[in-house]
Amino acid sequence: MRQLAALRLIYRALFLFPLYLSFAPLIVNADTFALRMDDRQEGTSQYYHELLTSALALNGHSLKVINKGDLPQKRLVIMFEKGDLDIIWLLKSKERNEKYININVDLTNGMMGQRVLFIPPYAINEYAHIKTIEDFRKSQKVGVFGANWFDEQVWKENNLPYRIIDGDWGSIYNRLLHIKPEMTDRLFHYFSRSVTEIVQEAKHHPQLAIEPHLLFKYDRDFHFYILKENEHLKPILEQALSKAKETGLIDKLIKKHFAEQLKSLNLENRVLLQLTTPQ
């Protein structure tokens, strides 16, 4: 009987251990663990992976990032909610703070709220006259976003017209490229992206133009989010990222990953259009 009981315990351990790995971060020991994260093809993931790894190292923790591949945002969120990803980075919002565990540290010093536009190349001069947000509103230019993006709330708050693409928002790039100037009823005119994203994305969509005159700004940033069942990680991650901000590590990594991109956008000479940020 004792042997049978022992065999049952071994069987249960062998059966449950893989399930544990599937639904929770791999804890190797108190100071070493692994997190499953996505790896976006535009290259922006590298900053967030290095930030998290380096920040944890400041506090004596060793992190192994397990890359789960390049995932469309809709699928990314589904995988996260199913427990197939341990941590994701999204724009902070009230809804997400209620649904997930918010690691309450800004990750890009607010640069995610600084937005520049992808446009068809023929349309560059259509924005040159704009000097104020009211000018932009009067232009009746229509933006486009993926479903459930925080940008939708911002544009609505500022009374700016927009369209939503449900499903794979990656189709926006191609659809924007094929909008012709003679299409007077164009469904949308531009695609707003952050200053940390647009240069990298332009390498994958070279036929689109980066609008050179305007810089939109709202007060919001990316935060890391984890699921409620992993709430025990919150103090570890928040302490590490707070220390990364205090010690200048975030500034250093932003410079490393984004300095050339920011320089190419000529931000200091653009017209700044401050947007009202919804609560």
C-alpha atoms as a PDB file:
ATOM      1  CA  MET A   1       0.000   0.000   0.000  1.00  0.00           C
ATOM      2  CA  ARG A   2       2.809   2.378   0.882  1.00  0.00           C
ATOM      3  CA  GLN A   3       4.461   1.665  -2.468  1.00  0.00           C
ATOM      4  CA  LEU A   4       1.189   2.293  -4.277  1.00  0.00           C
ATOM      5  CA  ALA A   5       0.711   5.598  -2.428  1.00  0.00           C
ATOM      6  CA  ALA A   6       4.253   6.645  -3.288  1.00  0.00           C
ATOM      7  CA  LEU A   7       3.692   5.818  -6.951  1.00  0.00           C
ATOM      8  CA  ARG A   8       0.515   7.898  -6.931  1.00  0.00           C
ATOM      9  CA  LEU A   9       2.400  10.886  -5.497  1.00  0.00           C
ATOM     10  CA  ILE A  10       5.106  10.574  -8.144  1.00  0.00           C
ATOM     11  CA  TYR A  11       2.481  10.322 -10.897  1.00  0.00           C
ATOM     12  CA  ARG A  12       0.651  13.408  -9.615  1.00  0.00           C
ATOM     13  CA  ALA A  13       3.906  15.377  -9.434  1.00  0.00           C
ATOM     14  CA  LEU A  14       4.885  14.402 -12.959  1.00  0.00           C
ATOM     15  CA  PHE A  15       1.417  15.243 -14.257  1.00  0.00           C
ATOM     16  CA  LEU A  16       0.965  18.557 -12.463  1.00  0.00           C
ATOM     17  CA  PHE A  17       4.446  20.012 -12.943  1.00  0.00           C
ATOM     18  CA  PRO A  18       4.011  20.669 -16.700  1.00  0.00           C
ATOM     19  CA  LEU A  19       0.633  22.225 -15.994  1.00  0.00           C
ATOM     20  CA  TYR A  20       2.227  24.504 -13.429  1.00  0.00           C
ATOM     21  CA  LEU A  21       4.755  25.635 -16.018  1.00  0.00           C
ATOM     22  CA  SER A  22       1.927  26.361 -18.459  1.00  0.00           C
ATOM     23  CA  PHE A  23      -0.050  28.599 -16.140  1.00  0.00           C
ATOM     24  CA  ALA A  24       2.499  30.337 -13.904  1.00  0.00           C
ATOM     25  CA  PRO A  25       5.921  31.958 -14.136  1.00  0.00           C
ATOM     26  CA  LEU A  26       8.749  29.465 -13.775  1.00  0.00           C
ATOM     27  CA  ILE A  27      10.258  30.069 -10.344  1.00  0.00           C
ATOM     28  CA  VAL A  28      13.703  28.543 -10.244  1.00  0.00           C
ATOM     29  CA  ASN A  29      14.530  29.884  -6.801  1.00  0.00           C
ATOM     30  CA  ALA A  30      13.898  33.017  -4.745  1.00  0.00           C
ATOM     31  CA  ASP A  31      16.163  35.127  -6.963  1.00  0.00           C
ATOM     32  CA  THR A  32      15.796  33.466 -10.364  1.00  0.00           C
ATOM     33  CA  PHE A  33      12.688  33.047 -12.498  1.00  0.00           C
ATOM     34  CA  ALA A  34      11.500  33.083 -16.118  1.00  0.00           C
ATOM     35  CA  LEU A  35       8.691  35.036 -17.740  1.00  0.00           C
ATOM     36  CA  ARG A  36       6.941  34.312 -21.019  1.00  0.00           C
ATOM     37  CA  MET A  37       6.734  37.484 -23.135  1.00  0.00           C
ATOM     38  CA  ASP A  38       5.946  38.336 -26.736  1.00  0.00           C
ATOM     39  CA  ASP A  39       8.651  39.349 -29.204  1.00  0.00           C
ATOM     40  CA  ARG A  40       7.394  41.854 -31.796  1.00  0.00           C
ATOM     41  CA  GLN A  41       9.061  41.793 -35.180  1.00  0.00           C
ATOM     42  CA  GLU A  42       9.501  45.576 -35.419  1.00  0.00           C
ATOM     43  CA  GLY A  43      12.170  45.284 -32.726  1.00  0.00           C
ATOM     44  CA  THR A  44      10.485  47.376 -30.033  1.00  0.00           C
ATOM     45  CA  SER A  45      10.301  44.342 -27.714  1.00  0.00           C
ATOM     46  CA  GLN A  46      14.042  44.453 -27.187  1.00  0.00           C
ATOM     47  CA  TYR A  47      13.750  47.593 -25.069  1.00  0.00           C
ATOM     48  CA  TYR A  48      11.095  46.112 -22.749  1.00  0.00           C
ATOM     49  CA  HIS A  49      12.916  42.796 -22.420  1.00  0.00           C
ATOM     50  CA  GLU A  50      16.207  44.501 -21.556  1.00  0.00           C
ATOM     51  CA  LEU A  51      14.521  46.974 -19.200  1.00  0.00           C
ATOM     52  CA  LEU A  52      12.857  44.213 -17.203  1.00  0.00           C
ATOM     53  CA  THR A  53      15.954  42.013 -17.139  1.00  0.00           C
ATOM     54  CA  SER A  54      18.274  44.872 -16.133  1.00  0.00           C
ATOM     55  CA  ALA A  55      15.872  46.314 -13.564  1.00  0.00           C
ATOM     56  CA  LEU A  56      15.493  42.963 -11.830  1.00  0.00           C
ATOM     57  CA  ALA A  57      19.269  42.498 -11.882  1.00  0.00           C
ATOM     58  CA  LEU A  58      19.609  45.765  -9.903  1.00  0.00           C
ATOM     59  CA  ASN A  59      17.673  44.055  -7.106  1.00  0.00           C
ATOM     60  CA  GLY A  60      19.578  40.784  -7.258  1.00  0.00           C
ATOM     61  CA  HIS A  61      17.118  38.827  -9.394  1.00  0.00           C
ATOM     62  CA  SER A  62      18.016  36.840 -12.490  1.00  0.00           C
ATOM     63  CA  LEU A  63      15.405  36.739 -15.261  1.00  0.00           C
ATOM     64  CA  LYS A  64      15.145  34.463 -18.260  1.00  0.00           C
ATOM     65  CA  VAL A  65      12.824  35.852 -20.955  1.00  0.00           C
ATOM     66  CA  ILE A  66      10.959  33.108 -22.812  1.00  0.00           C
ATOM     67  CA  ASN A  67      10.000  34.560 -26.208  1.00  0.00           C
ATOM     68  CA  LYS A  68       6.562  33.490 -27.417  1.00  0.00           C
ATOM     69  CA  GLY A  69       6.875  35.043 -30.865  1.00  0.00           C
ATOM     70  CA  ASP A  70       5.446  38.034 -32.713  1.00  0.00           C
ATOM     71  CA  LEU A  71       1.767  38.269 -31.760  1.00  0.00           C
ATOM     72  CA  PRO A  72      -0.983  40.591 -33.044  1.00  0.00           C
ATOM     73  CA  GLN A  73      -2.272  42.645 -30.116  1.00  0.00           C
ATOM     74  CA  LYS A  74      -5.708  41.015 -30.059  1.00  0.00           C
ATOM     75  CA  ARG A  75      -4.162  37.541 -29.889  1.00  0.00           C
ATOM     76  CA  LEU A  76      -1.549  38.802 -27.439  1.00  0.00           C
ATOM     77  CA  VAL A  77      -4.241  39.863 -24.967  1.00  0.00           C
ATOM     78  CA  ILE A  78      -6.167  36.594 -25.436  1.00  0.00           C
ATOM     79  CA  MET A  79      -3.018  34.542 -24.751  1.00  0.00           C
ATOM     80  CA  PHE A  80      -2.238  36.679 -21.715  1.00  0.00           C
ATOM     81  CA  GLU A  81      -5.728  36.241 -20.266  1.00  0.00           C
ATOM     82  CA  LYS A  82      -5.528  32.474 -20.853  1.00  0.00           C
ATOM     83  CA  GLY A  83      -2.255  32.324 -18.920  1.00  0.00           C
ATOM     84  CA  ASP A  84      -0.030  31.596 -21.933  1.00  0.00           C
ATOM     85  CA  LEU A  85       1.948  34.804 -21.295  1.00  0.00           C
ATOM     86  CA  ASP A  86       3.116  35.972 -17.883  1.00  0.00           C
ATOM     87  CA  ILE A  87       3.541  39.696 -18.520  1.00  0.00           C
ATOM     88  CA  ILE A  88       2.620  42.220 -21.216  1.00  0.00           C
ATOM     89  CA  TRP A  89       3.066  45.956 -21.708  1.00  0.00           C
ATOM     90  CA  LEU A  90       0.055  48.097 -22.623  1.00  0.00           C
ATOM     91  CA  LEU A  91      -1.001  51.719 -22.306  1.00  0.00           C
ATOM     92  CA  LYS A  92      -2.261  52.282 -18.784  1.00  0.00           C
ATOM     93  CA  SER A  93      -6.032  52.616 -18.551  1.00  0.00           C
ATOM     94  CA  LYS A  94      -8.698  52.450 -15.860  1.00  0.00           C
ATOM     95  CA  GLU A  95     -10.234  49.377 -17.478  1.00  0.00           C
ATOM     96  CA  ARG A  96      -6.915  47.491 -17.578  1.00  0.00           C
ATOM     97  CA  ASN A  97      -6.074  48.493 -14.018  1.00  0.00           C
ATOM     98  CA  GLU A  98      -9.342  46.912 -12.890  1.00  0.00           C
ATOM     99  CA  LYS A  99      -8.921  43.778 -14.985  1.00  0.00           C
ATOM    100  CA  TYR A 100      -5.209  43.026 -14.454  1.00  0.00           C
ATOM    101  CA  ILE A 101      -2.480  43.783 -11.921  1.00  0.00           C
ATOM    102  CA  ASN A 102      -0.831  47.067 -12.868  1.00  0.00           C
ATOM    103  CA  ILE A 103       2.922  47.417 -12.281  1.00  0.00           C
ATOM    104  CA  ASN A 104       2.655  51.119 -11.574  1.00  0.00           C
ATOM    105  CA  VAL A 105       5.814  52.523 -13.185  1.00  0.00           C
ATOM    106  CA  ASP A 106       5.925  54.428 -16.492  1.00  0.00           C
ATOM    107  CA  LEU A 107       8.153  52.566 -18.939  1.00  0.00           C
ATOM    108  CA  THR A 108       9.110  55.183 -21.565  1.00  0.00           C
ATOM    109  CA  ASN A 109       9.129  58.502 -19.692  1.00  0.00           C
ATOM    110  CA  GLY A 110       5.852  59.371 -21.405  1.00  0.00           C
ATOM    111  CA  MET A 111       7.072  58.844 -24.963  1.00  0.00           C
ATOM    112  CA  MET A 112       4.233  56.418 -25.708  1.00  0.00           C
ATOM    113  CA  GLY A 113       1.918  59.424 -25.459  1.00  0.00           C
ATOM    114  CA  GLN A 114       3.904  61.323 -28.090  1.00  0.00           C
ATOM    115  CA  ARG A 115       2.390  60.464 -31.450  1.00  0.00           C
ATOM    116  CA  VAL A 116       3.433  60.962 -35.084  1.00  0.00           C
ATOM    117  CA  LEU A 117       1.379  60.034 -38.138  1.00  0.00           C
ATOM    118  CA  PHE A 118       1.807  57.459 -40.881  1.00  0.00           C
ATOM    119  CA  ILE A 119       0.213  58.853 -44.067  1.00  0.00           C
ATOM    120  CA  PRO A 120       0.142  58.086 -47.799  1.00  0.00           C
ATOM    121  CA  PRO A 121       3.202  59.755 -49.384  1.00  0.00           C
ATOM    122  CA  TYR A 122       1.159  62.086 -51.606  1.00  0.00           C
ATOM    123  CA  ALA A 123      -0.521  63.660 -48.538  1.00  0.00           C
ATOM    124  CA  ILE A 124       2.507  65.250 -46.827  1.00  0.00           C
ATOM    125  CA  ASN A 125       1.641  68.834 -47.792  1.00  0.00           C
ATOM    126  CA  GLU A 126      -1.936  68.438 -46.576  1.00  0.00           C
ATOM    127  CA  TYR A 127      -0.754  68.917 -42.967  1.00  0.00           C
ATOM    128  CA  ALA A 128       1.735  71.765 -43.413  1.00  0.00           C
ATOM    129  CA  HIS A 129      -0.777  74.536 -42.614  1.00  0.00           C
ATOM    130  CA  ILE A 130      -1.864  73.062 -39.258  1.00  0.00           C
ATOM    131  CA  LYS A 131      -0.728  75.092 -36.229  1.00  0.00           C
ATOM    132  CA  THR A 132      -3.305  74.266 -33.547  1.00  0.00           C
ATOM    133  CA  ILE A 133      -5.534  71.395 -32.515  1.00  0.00           C
ATOM    134  CA  GLU A 134      -8.488  73.421 -33.820  1.00  0.00           C
ATOM    135  CA  ASP A 135      -6.790  73.641 -37.231  1.00  0.00           C
ATOM    136  CA  PHE A 136      -6.427  69.870 -37.194  1.00  0.00           C
ATOM    137  CA  ARG A 137     -10.053  69.419 -36.176  1.00  0.00           C
ATOM    138  CA  LYS A 138     -11.202  71.656 -39.041  1.00  0.00           C
ATOM    139  CA  SER A 139      -9.113  69.658 -41.522  1.00  0.00           C
ATOM    140  CA  GLN A 140     -11.560  66.764 -40.986  1.00  0.00           C
ATOM    141  CA  LYS A 141      -8.733  64.255 -41.253  1.00  0.00           C
ATOM    142  CA  VAL A 142      -9.880  60.860 -40.001  1.00  0.00           C
ATOM    143  CA  GLY A 143      -7.588  58.631 -37.925  1.00  0.00           C
ATOM    144  CA  VAL A 144      -7.638  54.861 -37.638  1.00  0.00           C
ATOM    145  CA  PHE A 145      -6.974  52.560 -34.661  1.00  0.00           C
ATOM    146  CA  GLY A 146      -7.253  48.940 -33.659  1.00  0.00           C
ATOM    147  CA  ALA A 147     -10.180  47.826 -31.507  1.00  0.00           C
ATOM    148  CA  ASN A 148     -10.079  48.706 -27.784  1.00  0.00           C
ATOM    149  CA  TRP A 149      -7.042  50.981 -28.081  1.00  0.00           C
ATOM    150  CA  PHE A 150      -6.688  53.793 -25.574  1.00  0.00           C
ATOM    151  CA  ASP A 151      -6.127  56.163 -28.521  1.00  0.00           C
ATOM    152  CA  GLU A 152      -9.814  55.772 -29.352  1.00  0.00           C
ATOM    153  CA  GLN A 153     -10.717  57.289 -25.988  1.00  0.00           C
ATOM    154  CA  VAL A 154      -8.224  60.139 -26.526  1.00  0.00           C
ATOM    155  CA  TRP A 155      -9.521  61.005 -29.997  1.00  0.00           C
ATOM    156  CA  LYS A 156     -13.123  60.867 -28.762  1.00  0.00           C
ATOM    157  CA  GLU A 157     -12.266  63.113 -25.802  1.00  0.00           C
ATOM    158  CA  ASN A 158     -10.738  65.651 -28.209  1.00  0.00           C
ATOM    159  CA  ASN A 159     -13.603  65.519 -30.708  1.00  0.00           C
ATOM    160  CA  LEU A 160     -11.418  64.133 -33.494  1.00  0.00           C
ATOM    161  CA  PRO A 161     -12.922  61.749 -36.064  1.00  0.00           C
ATOM    162  CA  TYR A 162     -11.592  58.199 -36.279  1.00  0.00           C
ATOM    163  CA  ARG A 163     -12.352  54.693 -37.541  1.00  0.00           C
ATOM    164  CA  ILE A 164     -11.795  51.347 -35.823  1.00  0.00           C
ATOM    165  CA  ILE A 165     -10.341  48.273 -37.536  1.00  0.00           C
ATOM    166  CA  ASP A 166     -11.390  45.126 -35.710  1.00  0.00           C
ATOM    167  CA  GLY A 167      -9.460  41.895 -36.117  1.00  0.00           C
ATOM    168  CA  ASP A 168      -5.857  42.175 -37.316  1.00  0.00           C
ATOM    169  CA  TRP A 169      -4.996  45.863 -37.060  1.00  0.00           C
ATOM    170  CA  GLY A 170      -1.769  45.142 -38.969  1.00  0.00           C
ATOM    171  CA  SER A 171      -3.845  45.437 -42.151  1.00  0.00           C
ATOM    172  CA  ILE A 172      -4.026  49.204 -41.530  1.00  0.00           C
ATOM    173  CA  TYR A 173      -0.607  49.811 -43.103  1.00  0.00           C
ATOM    174  CA  ASN A 174      -1.547  48.244 -46.407  1.00  0.00           C
ATOM    175  CA  ARG A 175      -5.014  49.775 -46.489  1.00  0.00           C
ATOM    176  CA  LEU A 176      -3.566  53.221 -45.834  1.00  0.00           C
ATOM    177  CA  LEU A 177      -1.076  52.776 -48.681  1.00  0.00           C
ATOM    178  CA  HIS A 178      -3.830  51.991 -51.176  1.00  0.00           C
ATOM    179  CA  ILE A 179      -5.976  55.024 -50.392  1.00  0.00           C
ATOM    180  CA  LYS A 180      -5.739  57.323 -53.442  1.00  0.00           C
ATOM    181  CA  PRO A 181      -6.040  61.136 -53.469  1.00  0.00           C
ATOM    182  CA  GLU A 182      -9.031  61.008 -55.818  1.00  0.00           C
ATOM    183  CA  MET A 183     -10.998  59.028 -53.205  1.00  0.00           C
ATOM    184  CA  THR A 184     -12.960  61.948 -51.781  1.00  0.00           C
ATOM    185  CA  ASP A 185     -14.774  59.643 -49.356  1.00  0.00           C
ATOM    186  CA  ARG A 186     -11.585  58.149 -47.917  1.00  0.00           C
ATOM    187  CA  LEU A 187     -12.448  56.071 -44.865  1.00  0.00           C
ATOM    188  CA  PHE A 188      -9.360  57.315 -43.009  1.00  0.00           C
ATOM    189  CA  HIS A 189      -6.317  59.473 -43.681  1.00  0.00           C
ATOM    190  CA  TYR A 190      -3.630  58.656 -41.106  1.00  0.00           C
ATOM    191  CA  PHE A 191      -2.418  56.140 -38.550  1.00  0.00           C
ATOM    192  CA  SER A 192      -1.076  57.529 -35.260  1.00  0.00           C
ATOM    193  CA  ARG A 193       1.980  55.761 -33.791  1.00  0.00           C
ATOM    194  CA  SER A 194       4.272  56.581 -30.876  1.00  0.00           C
ATOM    195  CA  VAL A 195       7.680  58.138 -31.457  1.00  0.00           C
ATOM    196  CA  THR A 196       9.268  54.932 -30.108  1.00  0.00           C
ATOM    197  CA  GLU A 197       7.455  52.783 -32.680  1.00  0.00           C
ATOM    198  CA  ILE A 198       7.085  54.621 -35.958  1.00  0.00           C
ATOM    199  CA  VAL A 199      10.685  54.636 -37.221  1.00  0.00           C
ATOM    200  CA  GLN A 200      11.105  50.892 -36.685  1.00  0.00           C
ATOM    201  CA  GLU A 201       7.735  50.203 -38.285  1.00  0.00           C
ATOM    202  CA  ALA A 202       8.607  52.401 -41.263  1.00  0.00           C
ATOM    203  CA  LYS A 203      11.425  49.968 -42.097  1.00  0.00           C
ATOM    204  CA  HIS A 204       8.767  47.290 -42.627  1.00  0.00           C
ATOM    205  CA  HIS A 205       6.433  49.655 -44.519  1.00  0.00           C
ATOM    206  CA  PRO A 206       8.786  51.882 -46.543  1.00  0.00           C
ATOM    207  CA  GLN A 207       6.122  52.945 -49.037  1.00  0.00           C
ATOM    208  CA  LEU A 208       4.270  54.889 -46.334  1.00  0.00           C
ATOM    209  CA  ALA A 209       5.401  58.372 -45.303  1.00  0.00           C
ATOM    210  CA  ILE A 210       6.012  59.740 -41.817  1.00  0.00           C
ATOM    211  CA  GLU A 211       4.184  63.069 -41.561  1.00  0.00           C
ATOM    212  CA  PRO A 212       6.993  65.621 -40.879  1.00  0.00           C
ATOM    213  CA  HIS A 213       5.219  68.623 -39.301  1.00  0.00           C
ATOM    214  CA  LEU A 214       3.099  67.585 -36.301  1.00  0.00           C
ATOM    215  CA  LEU A 215       3.653  66.028 -32.871  1.00  0.00           C
ATOM    216  CA  PHE A 216       0.578  64.994 -30.876  1.00  0.00           C
ATOM    217  CA  LYS A 217       0.884  64.488 -27.143  1.00  0.00           C
ATOM    218  CA  TYR A 218      -1.302  63.017 -24.425  1.00  0.00           C
ATOM    219  CA  ASP A 219      -0.355  62.097 -20.855  1.00  0.00           C
ATOM    220  CA  ARG A 220      -0.174  58.318 -20.753  1.00  0.00           C
ATOM    221  CA  ASP A 221       2.512  55.633 -20.878  1.00  0.00           C
ATOM    222  CA  PHE A 222       3.036  51.901 -21.206  1.00  0.00           C
ATOM    223  CA  HIS A 223       2.906  49.860 -17.997  1.00  0.00           C
ATOM    224  CA  PHE A 224       3.646  46.202 -17.443  1.00  0.00           C
ATOM    225  CA  TYR A 225       0.608  44.115 -16.514  1.00  0.00           C
ATOM    226  CA  ILE A 226       0.388  40.677 -14.890  1.00  0.00           C
ATOM    227  CA  LEU A 227      -2.602  38.472 -14.055  1.00  0.00           C
ATOM    228  CA  LYS A 228      -4.189  38.467 -10.603  1.00  0.00           C
ATOM    229  CA  GLU A 229      -2.973  34.937  -9.884  1.00  0.00           C
ATOM    230  CA  ASN A 230       0.593  36.270 -10.175  1.00  0.00           C
ATOM    231  CA  GLU A 231       0.012  39.204  -7.835  1.00  0.00           C
ATOM    232  CA  HIS A 232       2.897  38.017  -5.650  1.00  0.00           C
ATOM    233  CA  LEU A 233       5.235  39.347  -8.375  1.00  0.00           C
ATOM    234  CA  LYS A 234       3.900  42.908  -8.142  1.00  0.00           C
ATOM    235  CA  PRO A 235       6.146  44.174  -5.275  1.00  0.00           C
ATOM    236  CA  ILE A 236       9.222  42.565  -6.853  1.00  0.00           C
ATOM    237  CA  LEU A 237       8.585  44.125 -10.256  1.00  0.00           C
ATOM    238  CA  GLU A 238       7.523  47.530  -8.924  1.00  0.00           C
ATOM    239  CA  GLN A 239      10.558  47.805  -6.662  1.00  0.00           C
ATOM    240  CA  ALA A 240      12.888  46.852  -9.495  1.00  0.00           C
ATOM    241  CA  LEU A 241      11.376  49.262 -12.026  1.00  0.00           C
ATOM    242  CA  SER A 242      11.167  52.114  -9.514  1.00  0.00           C
ATOM    243  CA  LYS A 243      14.854  51.642  -8.828  1.00  0.00           C
ATOM    244  CA  ALA A 244      15.523  51.599 -12.581  1.00  0.00           C
ATOM    245  CA  LYS A 245      13.844  55.000 -12.838  1.00  0.00           C
ATOM    246  CA  GLU A 246      15.641  56.443  -9.800  1.00  0.00           C
ATOM    247  CA  THR A 247      19.095  55.272 -10.896  1.00  0.00           C
ATOM    248  CA  GLY A 248      18.723  56.540 -14.487  1.00  0.00           C
ATOM    249  CA  LEU A 249      18.632  53.044 -15.979  1.00  0.00           C
ATOM    250  CA  ILE A 250      15.418  53.822 -17.884  1.00  0.00           C
ATOM    251  CA  ASP A 251      16.990  56.994 -19.324  1.00  0.00           C
ATOM    252  CA  LYS A 252      20.078  55.025 -20.351  1.00  0.00           C
ATOM    253  CA  LEU A 253      18.085  52.291 -22.099  1.00  0.00           C
ATOM    254  CA  ILE A 254      15.811  54.796 -23.852  1.00  0.00           C
ATOM    255  CA  LYS A 255      18.908  56.487 -25.233  1.00  0.00           C
ATOM    256  CA  LYS A 256      20.378  53.141 -26.279  1.00  0.00           C
ATOM    257  CA  HIS A 257      17.275  51.895 -28.074  1.00  0.00           C
ATOM    258  CA  PHE A 258      15.562  55.054 -29.325  1.00  0.00           C
ATOM    259  CA  ALA A 259      18.004  57.984 -29.583  1.00  0.00           C
ATOM    260  CA  GLU A 260      18.650  57.654 -33.323  1.00  0.00           C
ATOM    261  CA  GLN A 261      14.968  57.151 -34.054  1.00  0.00           C
ATOM    262  CA  LEU A 262      13.980  60.235 -32.052  1.00  0.00           C
ATOM    263  CA  LYS A 263      16.666  62.306 -33.765  1.00  0.00           C
ATOM    264  CA  SER A 264      15.401  61.317 -37.218  1.00  0.00           C
ATOM    265  CA  LEU A 265      11.881  62.497 -36.325  1.00  0.00           C
ATOM    266  CA  ASN A 266      13.124  66.072 -35.664  1.00  0.00           C
ATOM    267  CA  LEU A 267      10.691  66.396 -32.767  1.00  0.00           C
ATOM    268  CA  GLU A 268      11.936  69.748 -31.471  1.00  0.00           C
ATOM    269  CA  ASN A 269      10.948  71.472 -34.726  1.00  0.00           C
ATOM    270  CA  ARG A 270       7.457  70.010 -35.006  1.00  0.00           C
ATOM    271  CA  VAL A 271       4.214  71.780 -34.098  1.00  0.00           C
ATOM    272  CA  LEU A 272       3.133  70.390 -30.715  1.00  0.00           C
ATOM    273  CA  LEU A 273      -0.574  69.596 -30.466  1.00  0.00           C
ATOM    274  CA  GLN A 274      -1.452  68.881 -26.830  1.00  0.00           C
ATOM    275  CA  LEU A 275      -4.406  66.550 -26.473  1.00  0.00           C
ATOM    276  CA  THR A 276      -6.712  66.327 -23.458  1.00  0.00           C
ATOM    277  CA  THR A 277      -6.193  62.953 -21.752  1.00  0.00           C
ATOM    278  CA  PRO A 278      -9.338  61.130 -20.600  1.00  0.00           C
ATOM    279  CA  GLN A 279      -9.422  60.046 -16.959  1.00  0.00           C
END
